[in-house]
N, C-alpha and C. Protein backbone atom coordinates (compact mmCIF):
# COMPACT_ATOMS: atom_id res chain seq x y z
N MET A 1 0.77 -1.03 -0.22
CA MET A 1 0.01 0.11 -0.06
C MET A 1 0.87 1.28 -0.15
N ARG A 2 0.77 2.25 -1.04
CA ARG A 2 1.35 3.19 -0.94
C ARG A 2 1.31 4.33 0.24
N ARG A 3 2.45 4.79 0.92
CA ARG A 3 2.25 5.48 2.22
C ARG A 3 1.88 7.14 1.80
N ASN A 4 1.11 7.67 2.52
CA ASN A 4 0.58 8.96 2.60
C ASN A 4 1.34 9.57 2.84
N GLU A 5 1.48 10.68 1.65
CA GLU A 5 2.33 12.10 1.81
C GLU A 5 2.20 12.89 3.08
N ASP A 6 0.99 13.02 3.75
CA ASP A 6 0.49 13.46 4.93
C ASP A 6 0.90 12.88 6.19
N GLN A 7 1.79 11.61 6.14
CA GLN A 7 1.58 11.03 7.22
C GLN A 7 2.71 11.79 8.27
N LYS A 8 2.28 12.05 9.52
CA LYS A 8 2.62 12.62 10.87
C LYS A 8 3.98 11.54 10.98
N ARG A 9 5.22 12.18 11.48
CA ARG A 9 6.39 11.79 11.62
C ARG A 9 6.95 11.77 13.17
N ASP A 10 7.47 10.67 13.52
CA ASP A 10 7.78 11.10 15.01
C ASP A 10 9.46 11.36 15.20
N GLU A 11 10.13 11.66 16.06
CA GLU A 11 11.03 12.39 16.36
C GLU A 11 12.38 11.76 15.50
N ALA A 12 12.38 10.64 15.09
CA ALA A 12 13.47 9.98 14.39
C ALA A 12 13.05 9.98 13.00
N GLY A 13 11.99 10.95 12.38
CA GLY A 13 11.62 10.83 11.22
C GLY A 13 10.84 10.07 10.49
N ARG A 14 10.35 8.78 11.36
CA ARG A 14 9.76 7.63 10.93
C ARG A 14 8.24 7.80 10.98
N PRO A 15 7.54 7.47 10.09
CA PRO A 15 6.14 7.43 9.97
C PRO A 15 5.69 7.44 11.41
N ASP A 16 4.65 8.03 11.64
CA ASP A 16 3.57 7.72 13.40
C ASP A 16 2.95 6.62 13.18
N ARG A 17 3.14 5.67 13.80
CA ARG A 17 2.53 4.11 13.93
C ARG A 17 1.02 4.18 13.75
N ARG A 18 0.41 5.09 14.71
CA ARG A 18 -0.71 5.19 14.51
C ARG A 18 -1.51 5.70 13.24
N THR A 19 -0.62 6.74 12.60
CA THR A 19 -1.30 7.07 11.31
C THR A 19 -0.86 6.20 10.40
N VAL A 20 0.25 5.40 10.17
CA VAL A 20 0.03 4.38 9.50
C VAL A 20 -1.00 3.35 9.18
N LEU A 21 -1.41 3.12 10.62
CA LEU A 21 -2.42 2.04 10.60
C LEU A 21 -3.72 2.60 10.36
N ALA A 22 -3.94 3.87 10.38
CA ALA A 22 -4.95 4.35 10.12
C ALA A 22 -5.17 4.82 8.44
N ASP A 23 -3.99 5.13 7.89
CA ASP A 23 -3.99 4.89 6.55
C ASP A 23 -4.48 3.66 5.95
N ALA A 24 -3.87 2.79 6.41
CA ALA A 24 -4.04 1.31 5.69
C ALA A 24 -5.46 0.77 6.31
N ALA A 25 -6.04 1.28 7.19
CA ALA A 25 -7.14 1.12 7.76
C ALA A 25 -8.21 1.90 6.51
N ILE A 26 -7.95 3.20 6.26
CA ILE A 26 -8.94 3.57 5.12
C ILE A 26 -8.64 2.79 3.91
N GLY A 27 -7.74 2.15 3.48
CA GLY A 27 -7.65 1.31 2.05
C GLY A 27 -8.40 0.37 2.18
N VAL A 28 -8.20 -0.68 3.68
CA VAL A 28 -9.08 -1.89 3.92
C VAL A 28 -10.42 -1.57 3.79
N LEU A 29 -10.86 -0.46 4.20
CA LEU A 29 -12.15 -0.20 4.48
C LEU A 29 -12.47 0.24 2.54
N ALA A 30 -12.14 0.91 2.17
CA ALA A 30 -12.18 1.05 0.69
C ALA A 30 -12.35 0.18 -0.06
N ASP A 31 -11.39 -0.92 -0.15
CA ASP A 31 -11.22 -2.10 -0.79
C ASP A 31 -12.26 -3.13 -0.60
N LEU A 32 -12.37 -3.53 0.77
CA LEU A 32 -13.22 -4.60 1.57
C LEU A 32 -14.51 -4.41 1.86
N GLY A 33 -14.95 -3.18 2.26
CA GLY A 33 -15.94 -2.72 3.21
C GLY A 33 -15.88 -3.01 4.52
N VAL A 34 -16.75 -2.66 5.27
CA VAL A 34 -17.14 -2.46 6.65
C VAL A 34 -16.82 -4.05 7.17
N ARG A 35 -17.34 -5.00 6.65
CA ARG A 35 -17.13 -6.25 7.18
C ARG A 35 -15.41 -6.72 7.08
N GLY A 36 -14.92 -6.27 5.93
CA GLY A 36 -13.36 -6.49 5.83
C GLY A 36 -12.60 -5.59 6.71
N LEU A 37 -12.87 -4.81 7.42
CA LEU A 37 -11.98 -3.99 8.27
C LEU A 37 -11.94 -4.70 9.78
N THR A 38 -10.62 -5.55 9.61
CA THR A 38 -10.15 -6.14 10.74
C THR A 38 -9.07 -5.70 11.23
N HIS A 39 -8.37 -6.13 12.50
CA HIS A 39 -7.48 -6.15 12.82
C HIS A 39 -6.17 -6.39 12.17
N ARG A 40 -6.35 -7.78 11.76
CA ARG A 40 -5.39 -8.46 10.97
C ARG A 40 -5.34 -8.15 9.60
N ALA A 41 -6.16 -7.54 8.82
CA ALA A 41 -6.20 -6.92 7.39
C ALA A 41 -5.82 -5.78 7.62
N VAL A 42 -5.62 -4.85 8.69
CA VAL A 42 -5.18 -3.42 8.61
C VAL A 42 -3.68 -4.06 8.71
N ASP A 43 -3.21 -5.11 9.80
CA ASP A 43 -1.58 -5.39 9.69
C ASP A 43 -1.12 -5.78 8.12
N ALA A 44 -1.85 -6.77 7.53
CA ALA A 44 -1.69 -7.11 6.35
C ALA A 44 -1.34 -5.50 5.24
N ALA A 45 -2.41 -5.15 5.32
CA ALA A 45 -2.30 -3.59 4.40
C ALA A 45 -1.16 -2.86 4.53
N ALA A 46 -0.84 -2.35 5.96
CA ALA A 46 0.34 -1.65 6.54
C ALA A 46 1.65 -2.44 6.53
N GLY A 47 1.78 -3.84 5.76
CA GLY A 47 3.05 -4.62 5.77
C GLY A 47 3.38 -4.68 7.32
N LEU A 48 2.71 -4.98 8.49
CA LEU A 48 3.18 -4.75 9.73
C LEU A 48 2.99 -6.25 9.92
N PRO A 49 3.83 -6.62 11.41
CA PRO A 49 3.31 -8.05 11.78
C PRO A 49 1.96 -8.12 12.28
N VAL A 50 1.53 -9.33 12.32
CA VAL A 50 -0.14 -9.61 13.11
C VAL A 50 0.11 -9.54 14.36
N GLY A 51 -0.84 -8.46 14.79
CA GLY A 51 -1.04 -8.22 15.84
C GLY A 51 -0.64 -6.69 16.41
N THR A 52 -0.05 -6.04 15.45
CA THR A 52 0.49 -4.41 15.41
C THR A 52 -0.83 -3.75 15.96
N THR A 53 -1.92 -4.03 14.81
CA THR A 53 -2.51 -3.22 14.84
C THR A 53 -3.35 -3.28 16.14
N SER A 54 -3.72 -4.40 17.00
CA SER A 54 -4.34 -4.59 18.21
C SER A 54 -3.51 -4.04 19.05
N ALA A 55 -2.39 -4.05 19.06
CA ALA A 55 -1.59 -3.72 20.13
C ALA A 55 -1.96 -1.92 20.01
N TYR A 56 -1.74 -1.14 19.07
CA TYR A 56 -2.22 0.15 18.97
C TYR A 56 -3.89 0.36 19.49
N LEU A 57 -4.44 -0.35 18.92
CA LEU A 57 -5.81 0.15 18.57
C LEU A 57 -6.55 -1.19 18.95
N ARG A 58 -6.97 -1.21 20.24
CA ARG A 58 -7.12 -2.55 20.89
C ARG A 58 -8.77 -2.99 20.37
N THR A 59 -9.64 -2.23 20.19
CA THR A 59 -10.99 -2.64 19.81
C THR A 59 -11.23 -2.04 18.18
N ARG A 60 -12.28 -2.88 17.93
CA ARG A 60 -12.74 -2.55 16.77
C ARG A 60 -13.44 -0.89 16.60
N GLN A 61 -13.69 -0.53 17.58
CA GLN A 61 -14.21 0.51 17.80
C GLN A 61 -12.98 1.74 18.21
N ALA A 62 -12.02 1.61 18.18
CA ALA A 62 -10.64 2.17 18.32
C ALA A 62 -10.07 2.62 17.05
N LEU A 63 -10.40 1.32 16.29
CA LEU A 63 -9.82 1.46 15.04
C LEU A 63 -10.87 2.10 14.08
N LEU A 64 -11.93 1.88 14.39
CA LEU A 64 -12.93 2.75 13.19
C LEU A 64 -12.89 4.09 13.77
N THR A 65 -12.65 4.73 15.12
CA THR A 65 -12.61 5.92 15.28
C THR A 65 -11.26 6.76 14.75
N ALA A 66 -10.01 6.01 14.90
CA ALA A 66 -8.77 6.54 14.30
C ALA A 66 -8.68 6.51 13.02
N LEU A 67 -9.81 5.53 12.54
CA LEU A 67 -9.53 5.85 10.71
C LEU A 67 -10.66 6.90 10.74
N VAL A 68 -11.44 7.17 11.09
CA VAL A 68 -12.65 8.31 10.76
C VAL A 68 -11.64 9.63 11.42
N ARG A 69 -10.97 9.80 12.35
CA ARG A 69 -10.18 11.14 12.60
C ARG A 69 -9.24 11.35 11.67
N ARG A 70 -8.68 10.33 11.03
CA ARG A 70 -7.47 10.47 10.09
C ARG A 70 -7.92 10.99 8.68
N LEU A 71 -9.57 10.19 8.45
CA LEU A 71 -9.93 10.45 7.39
C LEU A 71 -10.23 12.04 7.16
N VAL A 72 -10.84 12.65 8.61
CA VAL A 72 -11.41 14.13 8.52
C VAL A 72 -9.85 14.84 8.53
N GLU A 73 -8.95 14.62 9.06
CA GLU A 73 -7.67 15.10 8.98
C GLU A 73 -7.06 15.32 7.51
N LEU A 74 -7.33 14.40 6.64
CA LEU A 74 -6.79 14.56 5.01
C LEU A 74 -7.94 15.20 4.30
N ASP A 75 -9.11 15.28 4.53
CA ASP A 75 -10.00 16.18 4.08
C ASP A 75 -9.98 17.64 4.54
N GLN A 76 -10.00 17.82 5.59
CA GLN A 76 -9.53 19.44 5.84
C GLN A 76 -8.19 20.02 5.43
N GLY A 77 -7.04 18.70 5.49
CA GLY A 77 -6.00 19.55 4.82
C GLY A 77 -6.02 19.90 3.27
N GLU A 78 -6.80 19.06 2.51
CA GLU A 78 -7.04 19.22 1.13
C GLU A 78 -7.97 20.31 0.99
N LEU A 79 -9.07 20.65 1.87
CA LEU A 79 -9.64 21.37 1.70
C LEU A 79 -9.34 22.76 1.87
N HIS A 80 -8.12 22.78 3.04
CA HIS A 80 -7.45 24.05 3.63
C HIS A 80 -6.59 24.16 2.20
N ALA A 81 -5.74 23.40 1.65
CA ALA A 81 -4.67 23.59 0.89
C ALA A 81 -5.76 24.46 -0.56
N MET A 82 -6.87 23.89 -1.05
CA MET A 82 -7.32 24.41 -2.09
C MET A 82 -7.97 25.75 -1.83
N GLY A 83 -8.47 26.26 -0.58
CA GLY A 83 -8.97 27.17 -0.37
C GLY A 83 -7.75 28.63 -0.47
N GLU A 84 -6.57 28.11 -0.01
CA GLU A 84 -5.34 29.04 -0.21
C GLU A 84 -5.17 29.00 -1.66
N ARG A 85 -4.89 27.99 -2.08
CA ARG A 85 -4.59 27.84 -3.58
C ARG A 85 -5.38 28.55 -4.57
N MET A 86 -6.79 28.62 -4.32
CA MET A 86 -7.57 28.89 -5.32
C MET A 86 -8.32 30.14 -4.82
N PRO A 87 -8.21 31.32 -4.59
CA PRO A 87 -9.36 32.37 -3.92
C PRO A 87 -10.54 32.43 -4.76
N VAL A 88 -11.76 32.31 -4.62
CA VAL A 88 -12.72 32.76 -5.27
C VAL A 88 -13.38 33.68 -5.54
N ARG A 89 -13.22 34.39 -6.91
CA ARG A 89 -13.66 36.01 -7.14
C ARG A 89 -14.55 36.09 -8.15
N SER A 90 -15.02 34.89 -8.70
CA SER A 90 -16.15 34.66 -9.95
C SER A 90 -16.71 33.50 -9.64
N ALA A 91 -17.93 33.39 -10.11
CA ALA A 91 -18.94 32.08 -10.34
C ALA A 91 -17.90 31.07 -11.04
N THR A 92 -17.18 31.64 -12.14
CA THR A 92 -16.42 30.48 -12.95
C THR A 92 -15.42 29.88 -12.07
N GLU A 93 -14.87 30.92 -11.13
CA GLU A 93 -13.76 30.23 -10.65
C GLU A 93 -14.21 29.11 -9.55
N LEU A 94 -15.38 29.36 -9.05
CA LEU A 94 -16.08 28.52 -7.94
C LEU A 94 -16.51 27.01 -8.78
N VAL A 95 -16.95 27.57 -9.88
CA VAL A 95 -17.39 26.32 -10.91
C VAL A 95 -15.86 25.40 -10.82
N HIS A 96 -14.72 25.98 -11.02
CA HIS A 96 -13.37 25.42 -11.88
C HIS A 96 -12.87 25.10 -10.69
N GLY A 97 -13.27 25.49 -9.24
CA GLY A 97 -12.93 24.65 -8.16
C GLY A 97 -13.71 23.62 -7.58
N ILE A 98 -15.00 23.43 -7.90
CA ILE A 98 -15.72 22.55 -7.36
C ILE A 98 -15.08 21.33 -8.25
N GLY A 99 -15.33 21.82 -9.40
CA GLY A 99 -14.72 20.69 -10.51
C GLY A 99 -13.45 19.98 -10.08
N GLU A 100 -12.51 20.55 -9.85
CA GLU A 100 -11.56 20.06 -9.37
C GLU A 100 -11.36 19.18 -7.96
N LEU A 101 -12.26 19.57 -7.43
CA LEU A 101 -12.38 18.68 -5.95
C LEU A 101 -13.05 17.72 -6.34
N VAL A 102 -13.79 17.63 -7.02
CA VAL A 102 -15.00 16.50 -7.47
C VAL A 102 -14.15 15.39 -8.09
N ARG A 103 -13.18 15.89 -9.07
CA ARG A 103 -12.43 14.93 -10.03
C ARG A 103 -11.38 14.39 -8.73
N ARG A 104 -10.72 14.93 -8.01
CA ARG A 104 -9.79 14.54 -7.31
C ARG A 104 -10.40 13.62 -6.28
N ARG A 105 -11.92 13.64 -5.94
CA ARG A 105 -12.59 12.75 -4.78
C ARG A 105 -12.73 11.25 -5.82
N LEU A 106 -13.08 11.53 -7.28
CA LEU A 106 -13.46 10.37 -7.57
C LEU A 106 -12.23 9.48 -8.36
N ALA A 107 -10.82 9.61 -8.12
CA ALA A 107 -9.74 9.22 -8.97
C ALA A 107 -8.79 8.96 -7.69
N GLY A 108 -8.06 7.87 -8.01
CA GLY A 108 -6.68 7.34 -7.26
C GLY A 108 -7.38 7.36 -5.57
N ASP A 109 -6.20 7.78 -5.01
CA ASP A 109 -6.58 8.12 -3.21
C ASP A 109 -7.59 8.58 -2.91
N GLY A 110 -8.21 9.75 -3.53
CA GLY A 110 -9.39 10.35 -3.57
C GLY A 110 -10.40 9.63 -3.17
N ARG A 111 -10.44 8.71 -4.39
CA ARG A 111 -12.00 7.81 -4.66
C ARG A 111 -11.74 6.83 -3.61
N ARG A 112 -10.61 6.13 -2.90
CA ARG A 112 -10.62 5.53 -1.91
C ARG A 112 -11.07 5.93 -0.78
N ARG A 113 -10.83 7.16 -0.50
CA ARG A 113 -11.17 7.91 0.91
C ARG A 113 -12.57 8.35 0.68
N SER A 114 -13.10 8.66 -0.58
CA SER A 114 -14.34 8.80 -0.71
C SER A 114 -15.28 7.58 -0.35
N LEU A 115 -14.93 6.31 -0.75
CA LEU A 115 -15.58 4.95 -0.39
C LEU A 115 -15.49 5.03 0.70
N ALA A 116 -14.07 5.09 1.73
CA ALA A 116 -14.41 4.92 2.86
C ALA A 116 -15.27 5.97 3.92
N ARG A 117 -15.24 7.22 3.61
CA ARG A 117 -15.84 8.15 3.77
C ARG A 117 -17.33 7.80 3.85
N TYR A 118 -17.73 7.49 2.60
CA TYR A 118 -19.33 6.93 2.87
C TYR A 118 -19.84 5.82 3.57
N ALA A 119 -18.89 4.92 3.47
CA ALA A 119 -19.07 4.12 4.84
C ALA A 119 -19.11 4.32 5.94
N CYS A 120 -17.98 5.16 6.41
CA CYS A 120 -18.12 5.70 7.63
C CYS A 120 -19.30 6.37 8.03
N ALA A 121 -19.76 7.20 7.18
CA ALA A 121 -20.97 8.12 7.49
C ALA A 121 -21.89 7.19 7.46
N VAL A 122 -22.22 5.99 6.70
CA VAL A 122 -23.36 5.06 7.11
C VAL A 122 -23.33 4.50 8.73
N GLU A 123 -22.03 4.09 9.02
CA GLU A 123 -21.79 3.83 10.50
C GLU A 123 -22.34 4.70 11.54
N SER A 124 -21.81 6.10 11.11
CA SER A 124 -22.00 7.23 12.13
C SER A 124 -23.62 7.13 12.38
N VAL A 125 -24.56 6.45 11.67
CA VAL A 125 -25.78 6.97 11.75
C VAL A 125 -25.91 6.02 13.26
N ARG A 126 -25.66 4.99 13.63
CA ARG A 126 -25.54 4.30 14.88
C ARG A 126 -24.82 4.29 15.95
N ASP A 127 -23.52 5.82 15.59
CA ASP A 127 -22.28 5.90 16.53
C ASP A 127 -22.45 7.52 16.84
N PRO A 128 -22.82 7.72 17.86
CA PRO A 128 -22.79 9.26 18.20
C PRO A 128 -21.23 9.69 18.18
N GLU A 129 -20.46 8.98 18.65
CA GLU A 129 -18.90 9.49 18.68
C GLU A 129 -18.14 9.82 16.90
N LEU A 130 -18.81 8.67 16.28
CA LEU A 130 -17.94 8.72 14.78
C LEU A 130 -18.94 10.08 14.51
N ARG A 131 -20.16 10.13 14.60
CA ARG A 131 -21.02 11.42 13.84
C ARG A 131 -20.79 12.90 14.39
N GLU A 132 -19.99 12.62 15.71
CA GLU A 132 -19.23 13.91 15.83
C GLU A 132 -18.36 14.36 15.33
N ILE A 133 -17.26 13.24 15.05
CA ILE A 133 -15.90 13.71 14.15
C ILE A 133 -16.29 13.81 12.74
N LEU A 134 -17.15 13.44 12.26
CA LEU A 134 -17.43 13.70 10.84
C LEU A 134 -18.42 14.93 10.85
N VAL A 135 -18.84 15.62 11.74
CA VAL A 135 -19.67 16.97 11.70
C VAL A 135 -18.73 18.02 10.65
N PRO A 136 -19.07 18.45 9.61
CA PRO A 136 -18.35 19.64 8.79
C PRO A 136 -18.07 20.34 9.93
N ARG A 137 -16.28 20.93 9.30
CA ARG A 137 -15.75 21.98 10.16
C ARG A 137 -15.16 23.06 9.18
N ASP A 138 -14.94 24.13 9.41
CA ASP A 138 -14.57 25.32 8.73
C ASP A 138 -13.20 24.78 8.31
N ASN A 139 -12.71 25.37 7.36
CA ASN A 139 -11.72 25.38 6.58
C ASN A 139 -11.53 26.55 5.50
N ALA A 140 -10.15 26.68 4.97
CA ALA A 140 -10.04 28.02 3.93
C ALA A 140 -10.58 27.54 2.96
N GLY A 141 -11.32 26.42 2.14
CA GLY A 141 -11.95 26.00 0.95
C GLY A 141 -13.54 26.35 1.43
N ARG A 142 -14.35 26.22 2.50
CA ARG A 142 -15.41 26.59 2.82
C ARG A 142 -15.61 27.83 3.08
N ALA A 143 -14.75 28.51 3.99
CA ALA A 143 -14.38 29.99 4.12
C ALA A 143 -14.61 30.89 2.75
N ALA A 144 -13.69 30.38 1.84
CA ALA A 144 -13.70 31.30 0.60
C ALA A 144 -14.96 31.08 -0.03
N VAL A 145 -15.47 30.00 -0.19
CA VAL A 145 -17.13 29.89 -1.07
C VAL A 145 -18.05 30.80 0.00
N ARG A 146 -17.67 30.60 1.19
CA ARG A 146 -18.99 31.49 2.00
C ARG A 146 -18.45 33.08 1.66
N ALA A 147 -17.23 33.50 1.52
CA ALA A 147 -17.18 34.92 1.60
C ALA A 147 -17.49 35.37 0.21
N PHE A 148 -17.07 34.42 -0.88
CA PHE A 148 -17.72 34.79 -2.02
C PHE A 148 -19.16 35.25 -2.51
N LEU A 149 -19.84 34.17 -1.63
CA LEU A 149 -21.39 34.12 -1.69
C LEU A 149 -21.89 35.34 -0.98
N ALA A 150 -21.17 35.75 0.23
CA ALA A 150 -21.79 37.12 0.86
C ALA A 150 -21.24 38.20 0.16
N GLU A 151 -20.31 38.48 -0.40
CA GLU A 151 -19.78 39.60 -1.52
C GLU A 151 -20.96 39.73 -2.43
N GLN A 152 -21.63 38.42 -3.12
CA GLN A 152 -22.35 38.56 -4.01
C GLN A 152 -23.88 39.15 -3.74
N GLY A 153 -24.04 38.90 -2.21
CA GLY A 153 -25.19 39.47 -1.61
C GLY A 153 -26.21 38.42 -1.53
N VAL A 154 -25.56 37.31 -1.50
CA VAL A 154 -26.75 35.90 -1.29
C VAL A 154 -27.28 35.90 0.07
N PRO A 155 -28.69 35.83 0.06
CA PRO A 155 -29.24 35.73 1.35
C PRO A 155 -28.48 34.38 2.40
N ASP A 156 -28.33 34.56 3.66
CA ASP A 156 -28.15 33.77 4.54
C ASP A 156 -26.83 32.79 3.55
N PRO A 157 -25.77 33.71 3.40
CA PRO A 157 -24.20 32.76 3.35
C PRO A 157 -23.85 31.67 3.88
N ASP A 158 -23.91 31.79 5.23
CA ASP A 158 -23.73 30.26 5.73
C ASP A 158 -24.61 29.17 5.38
N ARG A 159 -26.03 29.41 5.47
CA ARG A 159 -26.75 28.25 5.24
C ARG A 159 -26.65 27.74 3.69
N ARG A 160 -26.22 28.84 2.99
CA ARG A 160 -26.30 28.58 1.21
C ARG A 160 -24.84 27.84 0.89
N THR A 161 -23.97 28.36 2.00
CA THR A 161 -22.61 27.37 1.70
C THR A 161 -22.75 25.98 1.93
N ALA A 162 -23.51 25.99 3.47
CA ALA A 162 -23.49 24.57 3.67
C ALA A 162 -24.31 23.50 2.71
N THR A 163 -25.49 24.32 2.19
CA THR A 163 -25.90 23.51 1.22
C THR A 163 -25.47 23.27 -0.31
N LEU A 164 -24.42 24.05 -0.28
CA LEU A 164 -23.90 23.83 -1.68
C LEU A 164 -23.00 22.70 -1.62
N LEU A 165 -22.28 22.58 -0.37
CA LEU A 165 -21.10 21.54 -0.30
C LEU A 165 -22.02 20.39 0.13
N ALA A 166 -22.87 20.31 0.81
CA ALA A 166 -23.46 18.97 0.61
C ALA A 166 -23.98 18.61 -0.59
N CYS A 167 -24.46 19.44 -1.56
CA CYS A 167 -24.82 18.90 -2.75
C CYS A 167 -23.71 18.66 -3.44
N VAL A 168 -22.63 18.90 -3.44
CA VAL A 168 -21.46 18.61 -3.79
C VAL A 168 -20.90 17.31 -3.49
N ASP A 169 -21.21 17.10 -2.09
CA ASP A 169 -20.94 15.46 -1.53
C ASP A 169 -21.69 14.97 -2.41
N GLY A 170 -22.75 15.25 -2.30
CA GLY A 170 -23.97 14.14 -3.25
C GLY A 170 -23.76 13.83 -4.62
N LEU A 171 -23.19 14.77 -5.21
CA LEU A 171 -22.59 14.84 -6.72
C LEU A 171 -21.43 13.67 -6.65
N VAL A 172 -20.25 13.64 -5.66
CA VAL A 172 -19.29 13.16 -5.85
C VAL A 172 -19.83 11.36 -5.34
N PHE A 173 -20.77 11.23 -4.35
CA PHE A 173 -21.29 10.03 -3.97
C PHE A 173 -22.05 9.27 -5.53
N ASP A 174 -22.90 10.24 -6.22
CA ASP A 174 -23.75 9.70 -7.38
C ASP A 174 -22.84 9.42 -8.51
N HIS A 175 -21.52 9.98 -8.57
CA HIS A 175 -20.98 9.59 -9.67
C HIS A 175 -19.67 8.50 -9.39
N LEU A 176 -19.40 8.20 -7.94
CA LEU A 176 -18.83 7.05 -7.27
C LEU A 176 -19.68 5.84 -7.30
N VAL A 177 -20.99 5.93 -7.40
CA VAL A 177 -21.83 4.73 -7.44
C VAL A 177 -21.94 4.44 -8.88
N SER A 178 -22.19 5.62 -9.89
CA SER A 178 -22.45 5.06 -11.30
C SER A 178 -21.31 5.25 -12.12
N GLY A 179 -20.34 5.70 -11.85
CA GLY A 179 -19.32 5.79 -12.96
C GLY A 179 -19.25 7.50 -13.40
N GLY A 180 -17.87 7.41 -13.99
CA GLY A 180 -17.61 8.77 -14.77
C GLY A 180 -17.56 9.84 -13.92
N GLU A 181 -16.97 11.12 -14.62
CA GLU A 181 -17.22 12.38 -13.77
C GLU A 181 -18.35 13.24 -14.64
N PRO A 182 -18.90 14.23 -13.41
CA PRO A 182 -19.78 15.10 -13.79
C PRO A 182 -19.60 15.82 -14.93
N GLY A 183 -20.36 16.35 -15.54
CA GLY A 183 -20.50 17.18 -16.53
C GLY A 183 -20.11 19.11 -16.03
N ALA A 184 -19.89 19.65 -16.71
CA ALA A 184 -19.74 21.17 -16.35
C ALA A 184 -21.18 21.36 -16.27
N ASP A 185 -22.13 21.07 -16.85
CA ASP A 185 -23.47 21.79 -16.27
C ASP A 185 -23.92 21.08 -15.29
N GLU A 186 -23.52 19.87 -14.73
CA GLU A 186 -23.81 19.68 -13.31
C GLU A 186 -23.38 20.38 -12.18
N ILE A 187 -22.20 21.03 -12.44
CA ILE A 187 -21.52 21.79 -11.44
C ILE A 187 -22.24 23.25 -11.77
N GLU A 188 -22.10 23.70 -12.83
CA GLU A 188 -22.68 25.07 -13.16
C GLU A 188 -24.21 25.29 -12.36
N GLY A 189 -25.09 24.11 -12.62
CA GLY A 189 -26.50 24.14 -11.76
C GLY A 189 -26.40 24.16 -10.15
N LEU A 190 -25.42 23.67 -9.80
CA LEU A 190 -25.17 23.54 -8.37
C LEU A 190 -24.65 24.69 -7.95
N VAL A 191 -23.78 25.69 -8.82
CA VAL A 191 -23.24 27.04 -8.20
C VAL A 191 -24.95 28.23 -8.76
N ALA A 192 -25.40 28.01 -9.61
CA ALA A 192 -26.42 28.67 -9.95
C ALA A 192 -27.24 28.66 -9.01
N ALA A 193 -27.91 27.46 -8.35
CA ALA A 193 -28.68 27.49 -7.02
C ALA A 193 -28.22 28.35 -6.25
N ALA A 194 -27.03 28.07 -5.56
CA ALA A 194 -26.11 28.71 -4.64
C ALA A 194 -26.24 30.35 -4.82
N LEU A 195 -26.37 30.81 -6.03
CA LEU A 195 -26.29 32.07 -6.31
C LEU A 195 -27.56 32.73 -6.42
N ARG A 196 -28.20 31.91 -6.49
CA ARG A 196 -30.16 32.38 -6.47
C ARG A 196 -30.23 33.38 -5.35
N GLY A 197 -30.84 34.96 -5.81
CA GLY A 197 -31.19 35.61 -4.84
C GLY A 197 -30.15 36.59 -4.70
N ALA A 198 -28.86 36.39 -5.37
CA ALA A 198 -27.98 37.37 -5.23
C ALA A 198 -28.05 38.84 -5.36
N SER A 199 -27.27 39.76 -4.86
CA SER A 199 -28.45 41.22 -5.11
C SER A 199 -27.15 41.66 -6.05
N ALA A 200 -25.73 41.29 -6.11
CA ALA A 200 -24.68 41.78 -7.04
C ALA A 200 -25.15 41.21 -8.46
N SER A 201 -24.87 42.09 -9.48
CA SER A 201 -25.25 41.74 -10.84
C SER A 201 -23.61 41.15 -11.62
N GLN A 202 -23.85 40.16 -12.11
CA GLN A 202 -22.72 39.56 -12.71
C GLN A 202 -23.34 38.32 -13.56
N GLU A 203 -22.25 38.29 -14.51
CA GLU A 203 -22.42 37.08 -15.37
C GLU A 203 -22.41 36.08 -14.95
N PRO A 204 -23.17 34.91 -14.99
CA PRO A 204 -23.29 33.75 -14.13
C PRO A 204 -22.16 32.97 -13.88
N TYR A 205 -21.21 32.74 -15.26
CA TYR A 205 -20.18 32.22 -15.28
C TYR A 205 -18.77 32.50 -15.79
N GLY A 206 -19.09 34.17 -16.45
CA GLY A 206 -18.05 34.68 -17.10
C GLY A 206 -17.62 34.08 -18.41
N PRO A 207 -16.59 34.82 -18.97
CA PRO A 207 -16.19 33.85 -20.07
C PRO A 207 -15.59 32.51 -20.04
N ARG A 208 -16.00 31.74 -20.89
CA ARG A 208 -15.88 30.31 -21.24
C ARG A 208 -14.23 30.44 -21.96
């Protein structure tokens, strides 16, 4: 299994063992589903001796909690970096940024994280601790969207931002299940809905 570039490291520069295990668990969950998430499977995926995972994360609940915390950490890092790298100054830029995020979450490691994330979301329905960890958090990406919608005079930009990002999440899920990537018209439709009622006048998507 490919080691994640965002893994934490100890004082000797080695990847933090709990982070290694959490990353391996994400891969196991994505590949094998909830029933396949076992301590032994995580040991194998991480390339570590049998019993390593249970030594660090003794129960299944501890393993699942570590996995979810790592997922949130990776997602937050991704959204923060995108928000800092791509300021939102127009609807066209917002469409572009959402498109990049969706493509990231439908391919490669991003796809595996998405599969694991939705599996954890289902588990959280019956697990208040997981549900609390998965509550959407603020980050530079969310803040950039909210600031742009506020500048456009959108009513209740906080709620509109939350709705837009929930719709983006649903778009990822839909294409994760059905395959393929969303067309530009799907993303433009979400942005148009988010801008509905804006007081500022502008071309919806600017020059193509």
